[in-house]
PDB file of all heavy atoms in Angstrom:
ATOM      1  N   VAL A   1       0.844  -1.228   0.015  1.00  0.00           N
ATOM      2  CA  VAL A   1      -0.006   0.006  -0.008  1.00  0.00           C
ATOM      3  C   VAL A   1       0.901   1.293  -0.015  1.00  0.00           C
ATOM      4  O   VAL A   1       0.619   2.251  -0.765  1.00  0.00           O
ATOM      5  CB  VAL A   1      -0.893  -0.020   1.235  1.00  0.00           C
ATOM      6  CG1 VAL A   1      -1.655   1.321   1.273  1.00  0.00           C
ATOM      7  CG2 VAL A   1      -1.956  -1.171   1.115  1.00  0.00           C
ATOM      8  N   ILE A   2       1.892   1.248   0.804  1.00  0.00           N
ATOM      9  CA  ILE A   2       2.789   2.373   0.904  1.00  0.00           C
ATOM     10  C   ILE A   2       3.491   2.628  -0.414  1.00  0.00           C
ATOM     11  O   ILE A   2       3.583   3.762  -0.904  1.00  0.00           O
ATOM     12  CB  ILE A   2       3.817   2.147   2.049  1.00  0.00           C
ATOM     13  CG1 ILE A   2       3.140   2.187   3.421  1.00  0.00           C
ATOM     14  CG2 ILE A   2       4.924   3.262   2.027  1.00  0.00           C
ATOM     15  CD1 ILE A   2       4.014   1.724   4.537  1.00  0.00           C
ATOM     16  N   GLU A   3       4.013   1.594  -1.012  1.00  0.00           N
ATOM     17  CA  GLU A   3       4.713   1.710  -2.251  1.00  0.00           C
ATOM     18  C   GLU A   3       3.781   2.273  -3.380  1.00  0.00           C
ATOM     19  O   GLU A   3       4.261   3.083  -4.177  1.00  0.00           O
ATOM     20  CB  GLU A   3       5.309   0.337  -2.679  1.00  0.00           C
ATOM     21  CG  GLU A   3       6.403  -0.145  -1.824  1.00  0.00           C
ATOM     22  CD  GLU A   3       6.829  -1.543  -2.131  1.00  0.00           C
ATOM     23  OE1 GLU A   3       6.176  -2.175  -2.979  1.00  0.00           O
ATOM     24  OE2 GLU A   3       7.805  -2.066  -1.524  1.00  0.00           O
ATOM     25  N   PHE A   4       2.571   1.789  -3.366  1.00  0.00           N
ATOM     26  CA  PHE A   4       1.622   2.285  -4.417  1.00  0.00           C
ATOM     27  C   PHE A   4       1.287   3.725  -4.181  1.00  0.00           C
ATOM     28  O   PHE A   4       1.256   4.503  -5.121  1.00  0.00           O
ATOM     29  CB  PHE A   4       0.357   1.422  -4.409  1.00  0.00           C
ATOM     30  CG  PHE A   4      -0.554   1.652  -5.591  1.00  0.00           C
ATOM     31  CD1 PHE A   4      -0.062   2.012  -6.797  1.00  0.00           C
ATOM     32  CD2 PHE A   4      -1.921   1.531  -5.419  1.00  0.00           C
ATOM     33  CE1 PHE A   4      -0.938   2.220  -7.851  1.00  0.00           C
ATOM     34  CE2 PHE A   4      -2.808   1.744  -6.467  1.00  0.00           C
ATOM     35  CZ  PHE A   4      -2.285   2.069  -7.693  1.00  0.00           C
ATOM     36  N   ALA A   5       1.094   4.114  -2.905  1.00  0.00           N
ATOM     37  CA  ALA A   5       0.795   5.542  -2.624  1.00  0.00           C
ATOM     38  C   ALA A   5       1.971   6.417  -3.000  1.00  0.00           C
ATOM     39  O   ALA A   5       1.793   7.517  -3.530  1.00  0.00           O
ATOM     40  CB  ALA A   5       0.502   5.658  -1.120  1.00  0.00           C
ATOM     41  N   ARG A   6       3.182   5.943  -2.813  1.00  0.00           N
ATOM     42  CA  ARG A   6       4.370   6.717  -3.179  1.00  0.00           C
ATOM     43  C   ARG A   6       4.443   6.867  -4.684  1.00  0.00           C
ATOM     44  O   ARG A   6       4.792   7.980  -5.227  1.00  0.00           O
ATOM     45  CB  ARG A   6       5.608   6.066  -2.630  1.00  0.00           C
ATOM     46  CG  ARG A   6       5.802   6.237  -1.125  1.00  0.00           C
ATOM     47  CD  ARG A   6       7.077   5.510  -0.664  1.00  0.00           C
ATOM     48  NE  ARG A   6       7.328   5.794   0.733  1.00  0.00           N
ATOM     49  CZ  ARG A   6       8.132   5.122   1.531  1.00  0.00           C
ATOM     50  NH1 ARG A   6       8.716   3.955   1.049  1.00  0.00           N
ATOM     51  NH2 ARG A   6       8.346   5.419   2.738  1.00  0.00           N
ATOM     52  N   LEU A   7       4.159   5.841  -5.407  1.00  0.00           N
ATOM     53  CA  LEU A   7       4.120   5.896  -6.910  1.00  0.00           C
ATOM     54  C   LEU A   7       3.121   6.955  -7.343  1.00  0.00           C
ATOM     55  O   LEU A   7       3.486   7.756  -8.227  1.00  0.00           O
ATOM     56  CB  LEU A   7       3.831   4.532  -7.501  1.00  0.00           C
ATOM     57  CG  LEU A   7       3.789   4.471  -9.030  1.00  0.00           C
ATOM     58  CD1 LEU A   7       5.209   4.563  -9.611  1.00  0.00           C
ATOM     59  CD2 LEU A   7       3.091   3.206  -9.525  1.00  0.00           C
ATOM     60  N   VAL A   8       1.915   6.852  -6.859  1.00  0.00           N
ATOM     61  CA  VAL A   8       0.872   7.763  -7.268  1.00  0.00           C
ATOM     62  C   VAL A   8       1.175   9.190  -6.927  1.00  0.00           C
ATOM     63  O   VAL A   8       0.985  10.126  -7.684  1.00  0.00           O
ATOM     64  CB  VAL A   8      -0.479   7.398  -6.608  1.00  0.00           C
ATOM     65  CG1 VAL A   8      -1.520   8.435  -6.960  1.00  0.00           C
ATOM     66  CG2 VAL A   8      -0.891   6.007  -7.159  1.00  0.00           C
ATOM     67  N   THR A   9       1.818   9.380  -5.776  1.00  0.00           N
ATOM     68  CA  THR A   9       2.074  10.770  -5.282  1.00  0.00           C
ATOM     69  C   THR A   9       3.322  11.364  -5.824  1.00  0.00           C
ATOM     70  O   THR A   9       3.324  12.560  -6.185  1.00  0.00           O
ATOM     71  CB  THR A   9       2.132  10.742  -3.744  1.00  0.00           C
ATOM     72  OG1 THR A   9       0.942  10.171  -3.207  1.00  0.00           O
ATOM     73  CG2 THR A   9       2.278  12.163  -3.161  1.00  0.00           C
ATOM     74  N   ASN A  10       4.424  10.584  -5.920  1.00  0.00           N
ATOM     75  CA  ASN A  10       5.730  11.174  -6.170  1.00  0.00           C
ATOM     76  C   ASN A  10       6.337  10.869  -7.519  1.00  0.00           C
ATOM     77  O   ASN A  10       7.192  11.670  -7.967  1.00  0.00           O
ATOM     78  CB  ASN A  10       6.688  10.697  -5.120  1.00  0.00           C
ATOM     79  CG  ASN A  10       6.303  11.061  -3.660  1.00  0.00           C
ATOM     80  OD1 ASN A  10       5.759  12.144  -3.521  1.00  0.00           O
ATOM     81  ND2 ASN A  10       6.544  10.178  -2.715  1.00  0.00           N
ATOM     82  N   ALA A  11       5.927   9.846  -8.200  1.00  0.00           N
ATOM     83  CA  ALA A  11       6.561   9.439  -9.467  1.00  0.00           C
ATOM     84  C   ALA A  11       6.274  10.493 -10.591  1.00  0.00           C
ATOM     85  O   ALA A  11       5.154  11.041 -10.611  1.00  0.00           O
ATOM     86  CB  ALA A  11       6.114   8.072  -9.898  1.00  0.00           C
ATOM     87  N   ASP A  12       7.234  10.711 -11.479  1.00  0.00           N
ATOM     88  CA  ASP A  12       6.923  11.501 -12.631  1.00  0.00           C
ATOM     89  C   ASP A  12       6.028  10.744 -13.569  1.00  0.00           C
ATOM     90  O   ASP A  12       5.819   9.554 -13.378  1.00  0.00           O
ATOM     91  CB  ASP A  12       8.207  12.083 -13.294  1.00  0.00           C
ATOM     92  CG  ASP A  12       9.120  10.907 -13.789  1.00  0.00           C
ATOM     93  OD1 ASP A  12       8.594   9.817 -14.145  1.00  0.00           O
ATOM     94  OD2 ASP A  12      10.311  11.174 -13.869  1.00  0.00           O
ATOM     95  N   ASP A  13       5.576  11.333 -14.648  1.00  0.00           N
ATOM     96  CA  ASP A  13       4.599  10.687 -15.547  1.00  0.00           C
ATOM     97  C   ASP A  13       5.180   9.504 -16.209  1.00  0.00           C
ATOM     98  O   ASP A  13       4.518   8.478 -16.406  1.00  0.00           O
ATOM     99  CB  ASP A  13       4.151  11.703 -16.576  1.00  0.00           C
ATOM    100  CG  ASP A  13       3.238  12.781 -16.010  1.00  0.00           C
ATOM    101  OD1 ASP A  13       2.787  12.609 -14.901  1.00  0.00           O
ATOM    102  OD2 ASP A  13       2.967  13.766 -16.749  1.00  0.00           O
ATOM    103  N   SER A  14       6.473   9.541 -16.577  1.00  0.00           N
ATOM    104  CA  SER A  14       7.062   8.419 -17.231  1.00  0.00           C
ATOM    105  C   SER A  14       7.190   7.190 -16.335  1.00  0.00           C
ATOM    106  O   SER A  14       6.823   6.077 -16.746  1.00  0.00           O
ATOM    107  CB  SER A  14       8.468   8.809 -17.729  1.00  0.00           C
ATOM    108  OG  SER A  14       9.109   7.703 -18.304  1.00  0.00           O
ATOM    109  N   GLU A  15       7.642   7.365 -15.094  1.00  0.00           N
ATOM    110  CA  GLU A  15       7.741   6.274 -14.126  1.00  0.00           C
ATOM    111  C   GLU A  15       6.384   5.758 -13.811  1.00  0.00           C
ATOM    112  O   GLU A  15       6.179   4.562 -13.675  1.00  0.00           O
ATOM    113  CB  GLU A  15       8.492   6.718 -12.928  1.00  0.00           C
ATOM    114  CG  GLU A  15       8.687   5.575 -11.897  1.00  0.00           C
ATOM    115  CD  GLU A  15       9.247   6.005 -10.521  1.00  0.00           C
ATOM    116  OE1 GLU A  15       9.479   7.231 -10.384  1.00  0.00           O
ATOM    117  OE2 GLU A  15       9.505   5.143  -9.699  1.00  0.00           O
ATOM    118  N   PHE A  16       5.446   6.681 -13.614  1.00  0.00           N
ATOM    119  CA  PHE A  16       4.067   6.267 -13.233  1.00  0.00           C
ATOM    120  C   PHE A  16       3.511   5.369 -14.357  1.00  0.00           C
ATOM    121  O   PHE A  16       2.918   4.311 -14.057  1.00  0.00           O
ATOM    122  CB  PHE A  16       3.180   7.519 -13.036  1.00  0.00           C
ATOM    123  CG  PHE A  16       1.792   7.159 -12.636  1.00  0.00           C
ATOM    124  CD1 PHE A  16       1.449   6.782 -11.355  1.00  0.00           C
ATOM    125  CD2 PHE A  16       0.771   7.170 -13.611  1.00  0.00           C
ATOM    126  CE1 PHE A  16       0.158   6.536 -10.982  1.00  0.00           C
ATOM    127  CE2 PHE A  16      -0.540   6.884 -13.247  1.00  0.00           C
ATOM    128  CZ  PHE A  16      -0.827   6.531 -11.985  1.00  0.00           C
ATOM    129  N   ALA A  17       3.624   5.759 -15.581  1.00  0.00           N
ATOM    130  CA  ALA A  17       3.057   4.945 -16.641  1.00  0.00           C
ATOM    131  C   ALA A  17       3.768   3.647 -16.739  1.00  0.00           C
ATOM    132  O   ALA A  17       3.083   2.577 -17.014  1.00  0.00           O
ATOM    133  CB  ALA A  17       3.179   5.713 -17.972  1.00  0.00           C
ATOM    134  N   ARG A  18       5.047   3.597 -16.553  1.00  0.00           N
ATOM    135  CA  ARG A  18       5.828   2.337 -16.700  1.00  0.00           C
ATOM    136  C   ARG A  18       5.492   1.399 -15.609  1.00  0.00           C
ATOM    137  O   ARG A  18       5.365   0.170 -15.795  1.00  0.00           O
ATOM    138  CB  ARG A  18       7.322   2.702 -16.737  1.00  0.00           C
ATOM    139  CG  ARG A  18       8.215   1.435 -16.766  1.00  0.00           C
ATOM    140  CD  ARG A  18       9.674   1.839 -16.933  1.00  0.00           C
ATOM    141  NE  ARG A  18      10.075   2.865 -15.937  1.00  0.00           N
ATOM    142  CZ  ARG A  18      10.491   2.508 -14.708  1.00  0.00           C
ATOM    143  NH1 ARG A  18      10.505   1.248 -14.282  1.00  0.00           N
ATOM    144  NH2 ARG A  18      10.857   3.429 -13.854  1.00  0.00           N
ATOM    145  N   ARG A  19       5.331   1.875 -14.403  1.00  0.00           N
ATOM    146  CA  ARG A  19       5.155   0.969 -13.224  1.00  0.00           C
ATOM    147  C   ARG A  19       3.752   0.700 -12.846  1.00  0.00           C
ATOM    148  O   ARG A  19       3.494  -0.177 -11.969  1.00  0.00           O
ATOM    149  CB  ARG A  19       5.983   1.544 -12.060  1.00  0.00           C
ATOM    150  CG  ARG A  19       7.468   1.663 -12.273  1.00  0.00           C
ATOM    151  CD  ARG A  19       8.161   1.949 -10.978  1.00  0.00           C
ATOM    152  NE  ARG A  19       8.006   0.857 -10.056  1.00  0.00           N
ATOM    153  CZ  ARG A  19       8.204   0.982  -8.677  1.00  0.00           C
ATOM    154  NH1 ARG A  19       8.496   2.182  -8.199  1.00  0.00           N
ATOM    155  NH2 ARG A  19       8.031  -0.033  -7.907  1.00  0.00           N
ATOM    156  N   LEU A  20       2.781   1.433 -13.449  1.00  0.00           N
ATOM    157  CA  LEU A  20       1.374   1.269 -13.039  1.00  0.00           C
ATOM    158  C   LEU A  20       0.927  -0.178 -13.132  1.00  0.00           C
ATOM    159  O   LEU A  20       0.257  -0.656 -12.216  1.00  0.00           O
ATOM    160  CB  LEU A  20       0.537   2.179 -13.884  1.00  0.00           C
ATOM    161  CG  LEU A  20      -0.993   2.186 -13.553  1.00  0.00           C
ATOM    162  CD1 LEU A  20      -1.270   2.713 -12.125  1.00  0.00           C
ATOM    163  CD2 LEU A  20      -1.762   3.016 -14.545  1.00  0.00           C
ATOM    164  N   PRO A  21       1.224  -0.879 -14.167  1.00  0.00           N
ATOM    165  CA  PRO A  21       0.740  -2.329 -14.298  1.00  0.00           C
ATOM    166  C   PRO A  21       1.324  -3.200 -13.166  1.00  0.00           C
ATOM    167  O   PRO A  21       0.826  -4.343 -12.985  1.00  0.00           O
ATOM    168  CB  PRO A  21       1.166  -2.752 -15.698  1.00  0.00           C
ATOM    169  CG  PRO A  21       1.392  -1.442 -16.428  1.00  0.00           C
ATOM    170  CD  PRO A  21       1.891  -0.498 -15.406  1.00  0.00           C
ATOM    171  N   GLU A  22       2.403  -2.794 -12.560  1.00  0.00           N
ATOM    172  CA  GLU A  22       2.960  -3.585 -11.425  1.00  0.00           C
ATOM    173  C   GLU A  22       1.994  -3.597 -10.261  1.00  0.00           C
ATOM    174  O   GLU A  22       1.972  -4.605  -9.446  1.00  0.00           O
ATOM    175  CB  GLU A  22       4.312  -3.056 -10.985  1.00  0.00           C
ATOM    176  CG  GLU A  22       5.404  -3.095 -11.966  1.00  0.00           C
ATOM    177  CD  GLU A  22       6.667  -2.399 -11.482  1.00  0.00           C
ATOM    178  OE1 GLU A  22       6.779  -2.291 -10.218  1.00  0.00           O
ATOM    179  OE2 GLU A  22       7.486  -2.029 -12.271  1.00  0.00           O
ATOM    180  N   PHE A  23       1.269  -2.548 -10.095  1.00  0.00           N
ATOM    181  CA  PHE A  23       0.451  -2.378  -8.912  1.00  0.00           C
ATOM    182  C   PHE A  23      -1.113  -2.454  -9.204  1.00  0.00           C
ATOM    183  O   PHE A  23      -1.865  -2.887  -8.294  1.00  0.00           O
ATOM    184  CB  PHE A  23       0.692  -0.995  -8.266  1.00  0.00           C
ATOM    185  CG  PHE A  23       2.035  -0.832  -7.632  1.00  0.00           C
ATOM    186  CD1 PHE A  23       3.111  -0.366  -8.412  1.00  0.00           C
ATOM    187  CD2 PHE A  23       2.294  -1.124  -6.322  1.00  0.00           C
ATOM    188  CE1 PHE A  23       4.388  -0.255  -7.816  1.00  0.00           C
ATOM    189  CE2 PHE A  23       3.494  -1.003  -5.759  1.00  0.00           C
ATOM    190  CZ  PHE A  23       4.560  -0.592  -6.486  1.00  0.00           C
ATOM    191  N   LEU A  24      -1.502  -2.093 -10.355  1.00  0.00           N
ATOM    192  CA  LEU A  24      -2.956  -1.997 -10.643  1.00  0.00           C
ATOM    193  C   LEU A  24      -3.359  -3.093 -11.659  1.00  0.00           C
ATOM    194  O   LEU A  24      -2.689  -3.278 -12.654  1.00  0.00           O
ATOM    195  CB  LEU A  24      -3.227  -0.577 -11.257  1.00  0.00           C
ATOM    196  CG  LEU A  24      -4.719  -0.314 -11.604  1.00  0.00           C
ATOM    197  CD1 LEU A  24      -5.542  -0.247 -10.272  1.00  0.00           C
ATOM    198  CD2 LEU A  24      -4.805   0.950 -12.365  1.00  0.00           C
ATOM    199  N   ASP A  25      -4.489  -3.686 -11.403  1.00  0.00           N
ATOM    200  CA  ASP A  25      -5.096  -4.634 -12.350  1.00  0.00           C
ATOM    201  C   ASP A  25      -5.755  -3.710 -13.417  1.00  0.00           C
ATOM    202  O   ASP A  25      -6.887  -3.246 -13.236  1.00  0.00           O
ATOM    203  CB  ASP A  25      -6.125  -5.509 -11.687  1.00  0.00           C
ATOM    204  CG  ASP A  25      -6.721  -6.560 -12.600  1.00  0.00           C
ATOM    205  OD1 ASP A  25      -6.790  -6.310 -13.808  1.00  0.00           O
ATOM    206  OD2 ASP A  25      -7.091  -7.641 -12.081  1.00  0.00           O
ATOM    207  N   VAL A  26      -5.044  -3.439 -14.411  1.00  0.00           N
ATOM    208  CA  VAL A  26      -5.374  -2.441 -15.445  1.00  0.00           C
ATOM    209  C   VAL A  26      -6.690  -2.806 -16.140  1.00  0.00           C
ATOM    210  O   VAL A  26      -7.614  -1.950 -16.327  1.00  0.00           O
ATOM    211  CB  VAL A  26      -4.264  -2.241 -16.490  1.00  0.00           C
ATOM    212  CG1 VAL A  26      -4.741  -1.285 -17.601  1.00  0.00           C
ATOM    213  CG2 VAL A  26      -3.008  -1.659 -15.764  1.00  0.00           C
ATOM    214  N   ASP A  27      -6.858  -4.046 -16.527  1.00  0.00           N
ATOM    215  CA  ASP A  27      -8.092  -4.484 -17.264  1.00  0.00           C
ATOM    216  C   ASP A  27      -9.273  -4.243 -16.360  1.00  0.00           C
ATOM    217  O   ASP A  27     -10.333  -3.732 -16.813  1.00  0.00           O
ATOM    218  CB  ASP A  27      -7.991  -5.933 -17.706  1.00  0.00           C
ATOM    219  CG  ASP A  27      -7.019  -6.099 -18.845  1.00  0.00           C
ATOM    220  OD1 ASP A  27      -6.709  -5.113 -19.527  1.00  0.00           O
ATOM    221  OD2 ASP A  27      -6.586  -7.255 -19.091  1.00  0.00           O
ATOM    222  N   GLU A  28      -9.154  -4.680 -15.103  1.00  0.00           N
ATOM    223  CA  GLU A  28     -10.296  -4.576 -14.187  1.00  0.00           C
ATOM    224  C   GLU A  28     -10.621  -3.096 -13.914  1.00  0.00           C
ATOM    225  O   GLU A  28     -11.806  -2.699 -13.881  1.00  0.00           O
ATOM    226  CB  GLU A  28     -10.037  -5.298 -12.902  1.00  0.00           C
ATOM    227  CG  GLU A  28     -11.156  -5.264 -11.884  1.00  0.00           C
ATOM    228  CD  GLU A  28     -10.826  -5.926 -10.568  1.00  0.00           C
ATOM    229  OE1 GLU A  28     -10.059  -5.284  -9.813  1.00  0.00           O
ATOM    230  OE2 GLU A  28     -11.297  -7.013 -10.379  1.00  0.00           O
ATOM    231  N   PHE A  29      -9.585  -2.250 -13.708  1.00  0.00           N
ATOM    232  CA  PHE A  29      -9.843  -0.879 -13.376  1.00  0.00           C
ATOM    233  C   PHE A  29     -10.498  -0.143 -14.634  1.00  0.00           C
ATOM    234  O   PHE A  29     -11.334   0.752 -14.488  1.00  0.00           O
ATOM    235  CB  PHE A  29      -8.563  -0.165 -12.920  1.00  0.00           C
ATOM    236  CG  PHE A  29      -8.792   1.251 -12.514  1.00  0.00           C
ATOM    237  CD1 PHE A  29      -9.572   1.499 -11.406  1.00  0.00           C
ATOM    238  CD2 PHE A  29      -8.299   2.309 -13.233  1.00  0.00           C
ATOM    239  CE1 PHE A  29      -9.738   2.823 -10.977  1.00  0.00           C
ATOM    240  CE2 PHE A  29      -8.449   3.602 -12.825  1.00  0.00           C
ATOM    241  CZ  PHE A  29      -9.240   3.894 -11.715  1.00  0.00           C
ATOM    242  N   ALA A  30      -9.996  -0.572 -15.774  1.00  0.00           N
ATOM    243  CA  ALA A  30     -10.652   0.074 -16.979  1.00  0.00           C
ATOM    244  C   ALA A  30     -12.058  -0.291 -17.106  1.00  0.00           C
ATOM    245  O   ALA A  30     -12.890   0.550 -17.510  1.00  0.00           O
ATOM    246  CB  ALA A  30      -9.911  -0.472 -18.255  1.00  0.00           C
ATOM    247  N   ALA A  31     -12.447  -1.544 -16.748  1.00  0.00           N
ATOM    248  CA  ALA A  31     -13.819  -1.960 -16.790  1.00  0.00           C
ATOM    249  C   ALA A  31     -14.626  -1.162 -15.695  1.00  0.00           C
ATOM    250  O   ALA A  31     -15.777  -0.833 -15.915  1.00  0.00           O
ATOM    251  CB  ALA A  31     -13.967  -3.405 -16.625  1.00  0.00           C
ATOM    252  N   PHE A  32     -13.985  -1.019 -14.516  1.00  0.00           N
ATOM    253  CA  PHE A  32     -14.594  -0.349 -13.416  1.00  0.00           C
ATOM    254  C   PHE A  32     -14.956   1.113 -13.775  1.00  0.00           C
ATOM    255  O   PHE A  32     -16.082   1.585 -13.570  1.00  0.00           O
ATOM    256  CB  PHE A  32     -13.611  -0.386 -12.217  1.00  0.00           C
ATOM    257  CG  PHE A  32     -14.013   0.467 -11.007  1.00  0.00           C
ATOM    258  CD1 PHE A  32     -14.877  -0.008 -10.051  1.00  0.00           C
ATOM    259  CD2 PHE A  32     -13.499   1.783 -10.889  1.00  0.00           C
ATOM    260  CE1 PHE A  32     -15.279   0.744  -8.993  1.00  0.00           C
ATOM    261  CE2 PHE A  32     -13.885   2.581  -9.761  1.00  0.00           C
ATOM    262  CZ  PHE A  32     -14.735   1.988  -8.827  1.00  0.00           C
ATOM    263  N   VAL A  33     -13.968   1.820 -14.446  1.00  0.00           N
ATOM    264  CA  VAL A  33     -14.208   3.215 -14.811  1.00  0.00           C
ATOM    265  C   VAL A  33     -15.239   3.263 -15.950  1.00  0.00           C
ATOM    266  O   VAL A  33     -16.171   4.073 -15.967  1.00  0.00           O
ATOM    267  CB  VAL A  33     -12.907   3.846 -15.223  1.00  0.00           C
ATOM    268  CG1 VAL A  33     -13.141   5.275 -15.798  1.00  0.00           C
ATOM    269  CG2 VAL A  33     -11.924   3.941 -14.088  1.00  0.00           C
ATOM    270  N   ALA A  34     -15.089   2.316 -16.946  1.00  0.00           N
ATOM    271  CA  ALA A  34     -16.039   2.375 -18.061  1.00  0.00           C
ATOM    272  C   ALA A  34     -17.453   2.173 -17.579  1.00  0.00           C
ATOM    273  O   ALA A  34     -18.385   2.822 -18.077  1.00  0.00           O
ATOM    274  CB  ALA A  34     -15.619   1.270 -19.018  1.00  0.00           C
ATOM    275  N   GLY A  35     -17.672   1.264 -16.629  1.00  0.00           N
ATOM    276  CA  GLY A  35     -19.021   1.030 -16.060  1.00  0.00           C
ATOM    277  C   GLY A  35     -19.575   2.298 -15.473  1.00  0.00           C
ATOM    278  O   GLY A  35     -20.748   2.659 -15.719  1.00  0.00           O
ATOM    279  N   HIS A  36     -18.757   2.990 -14.647  1.00  0.00           N
ATOM    280  CA  HIS A  36     -19.258   4.169 -13.996  1.00  0.00           C
ATOM    281  C   HIS A  36     -19.543   5.281 -15.065  1.00  0.00           C
ATOM    282  O   HIS A  36     -20.471   6.037 -14.972  1.00  0.00           O
ATOM    283  CB  HIS A  36     -18.199   4.718 -13.036  1.00  0.00           C
ATOM    284  CG  HIS A  36     -18.192   4.056 -11.710  1.00  0.00           C
ATOM    285  ND1 HIS A  36     -17.843   2.757 -11.551  1.00  0.00           N
ATOM    286  CD2 HIS A  36     -18.584   4.509 -10.498  1.00  0.00           C
ATOM    287  CE1 HIS A  36     -17.934   2.448 -10.272  1.00  0.00           C
ATOM    288  NE2 HIS A  36     -18.407   3.481  -9.590  1.00  0.00           N
ATOM    289  N   VAL A  37     -18.713   5.340 -16.090  1.00  0.00           N
ATOM    290  CA  VAL A  37     -18.873   6.391 -17.134  1.00  0.00           C
ATOM    291  C   VAL A  37     -20.101   6.110 -17.933  1.00  0.00           C
ATOM    292  O   VAL A  37     -20.875   7.027 -18.203  1.00  0.00           O
ATOM    293  CB  VAL A  37     -17.572   6.439 -18.015  1.00  0.00           C
ATOM    294  CG1 VAL A  37     -17.800   7.239 -19.277  1.00  0.00           C
ATOM    295  CG2 VAL A  37     -16.447   7.038 -17.230  1.00  0.00           C
ATOM    296  N   LEU A  38     -20.312   4.862 -18.388  1.00  0.00           N
ATOM    297  CA  LEU A  38     -21.508   4.578 -19.133  1.00  0.00           C
ATOM    298  C   LEU A  38     -22.794   4.885 -18.386  1.00  0.00           C
ATOM    299  O   LEU A  38     -23.745   5.386 -18.941  1.00  0.00           O
ATOM    300  CB  LEU A  38     -21.497   3.093 -19.636  1.00  0.00           C
ATOM    301  CG  LEU A  38     -20.483   2.733 -20.689  1.00  0.00           C
ATOM    302  CD1 LEU A  38     -20.429   1.246 -20.899  1.00  0.00           C
ATOM    303  CD2 LEU A  38     -20.869   3.427 -22.012  1.00  0.00           C
ATOM    304  N   LEU A  39     -22.745   4.577 -17.070  1.00  0.00           N
ATOM    305  CA  LEU A  39     -23.973   4.769 -16.316  1.00  0.00           C
ATOM    306  C   LEU A  39     -24.027   6.172 -15.734  1.00  0.00           C
ATOM    307  O   LEU A  39     -25.030   6.495 -15.003  1.00  0.00           O
ATOM    308  CB  LEU A  39     -23.950   3.791 -15.128  1.00  0.00           C
ATOM    309  CG  LEU A  39     -24.001   2.318 -15.519  1.00  0.00           C
ATOM    310  CD1 LEU A  39     -23.931   1.458 -14.261  1.00  0.00           C
ATOM    311  CD2 LEU A  39     -25.286   2.001 -16.267  1.00  0.00           C
ATOM    312  N   SER A  40     -23.074   7.072 -16.001  1.00  0.00           N
ATOM    313  CA  SER A  40     -23.052   8.342 -15.385  1.00  0.00           C
ATOM    314  C   SER A  40     -23.355   8.241 -13.936  1.00  0.00           C
ATOM    315  O   SER A  40     -24.238   8.926 -13.388  1.00  0.00           O
ATOM    316  CB  SER A  40     -24.061   9.330 -16.100  1.00  0.00           C
ATOM    317  OG  SER A  40     -23.688   9.562 -17.454  1.00  0.00           O
ATOM    318  N   SER A  41     -22.575   7.430 -13.313  1.00  0.00           N
ATOM    319  CA  SER A  41     -22.768   7.145 -11.871  1.00  0.00           C
ATOM    320  C   SER A  41     -21.903   8.097 -11.008  1.00  0.00           C
ATOM    321  O   SER A  41     -20.693   7.879 -10.931  1.00  0.00           O
ATOM    322  CB  SER A  41     -22.393   5.680 -11.561  1.00  0.00           C
ATOM    323  OG  SER A  41     -22.522   5.380 -10.246  1.00  0.00           O
ATOM    324  N   TYR A  42     -22.604   9.060 -10.429  1.00  0.00           N
ATOM    325  CA  TYR A  42     -21.813  10.134  -9.771  1.00  0.00           C
ATOM    326  C   TYR A  42     -21.945  10.103  -8.263  1.00  0.00           C
ATOM    327  O   TYR A  42     -21.427  10.969  -7.632  1.00  0.00           O
ATOM    328  CB  TYR A  42     -22.179  11.486 -10.305  1.00  0.00           C
ATOM    329  CG  TYR A  42     -21.756  11.698 -11.737  1.00  0.00           C
ATOM    330  CD1 TYR A  42     -22.649  11.721 -12.802  1.00  0.00           C
ATOM    331  CD2 TYR A  42     -20.365  11.787 -12.014  1.00  0.00           C
ATOM    332  CE1 TYR A  42     -22.172  11.910 -14.039  1.00  0.00           C
ATOM    333  CE2 TYR A  42     -19.902  11.959 -13.326  1.00  0.00           C
ATOM    334  CZ  TYR A  42     -20.829  11.991 -14.359  1.00  0.00           C
ATOM    335  OH  TYR A  42     -20.388  12.163 -15.620  1.00  0.00           O
ATOM    336  N   ASP A  43     -22.642   9.180  -7.675  1.00  0.00           N
ATOM    337  CA  ASP A  43     -22.703   9.067  -6.208  1.00  0.00           C
ATOM    338  C   ASP A  43     -21.542   8.093  -5.825  1.00  0.00           C
ATOM    339  O   ASP A  43     -21.883   7.019  -5.248  1.00  0.00           O
ATOM    340  CB  ASP A  43     -24.062   8.560  -5.785  1.00  0.00           C
ATOM    341  CG  ASP A  43     -24.194   8.612  -4.247  1.00  0.00           C
ATOM    342  OD1 ASP A  43     -23.394   9.325  -3.612  1.00  0.00           O
ATOM    343  OD2 ASP A  43     -25.062   7.895  -3.701  1.00  0.00           O
ATOM    344  N   GLY A  44     -20.329   8.392  -6.086  1.00  0.00           N
ATOM    345  CA  GLY A  44     -19.239   7.487  -5.818  1.00  0.00           C
ATOM    346  C   GLY A  44     -17.931   7.921  -6.392  1.00  0.00           C
ATOM    347  O   GLY A  44     -17.590   9.088  -6.338  1.00  0.00           O
TER     348      GLY A  44
END
């Protein structure tokens, strides 16, 4: 958790993009965001 928070907070854009898949389930998060976006779900 600490390492991920540091990446999000302190890494420059290049490092963040490169290392994001190490920490985040990209496919699942993309589906999570897409679902909220399609439903215009704003209570969350």
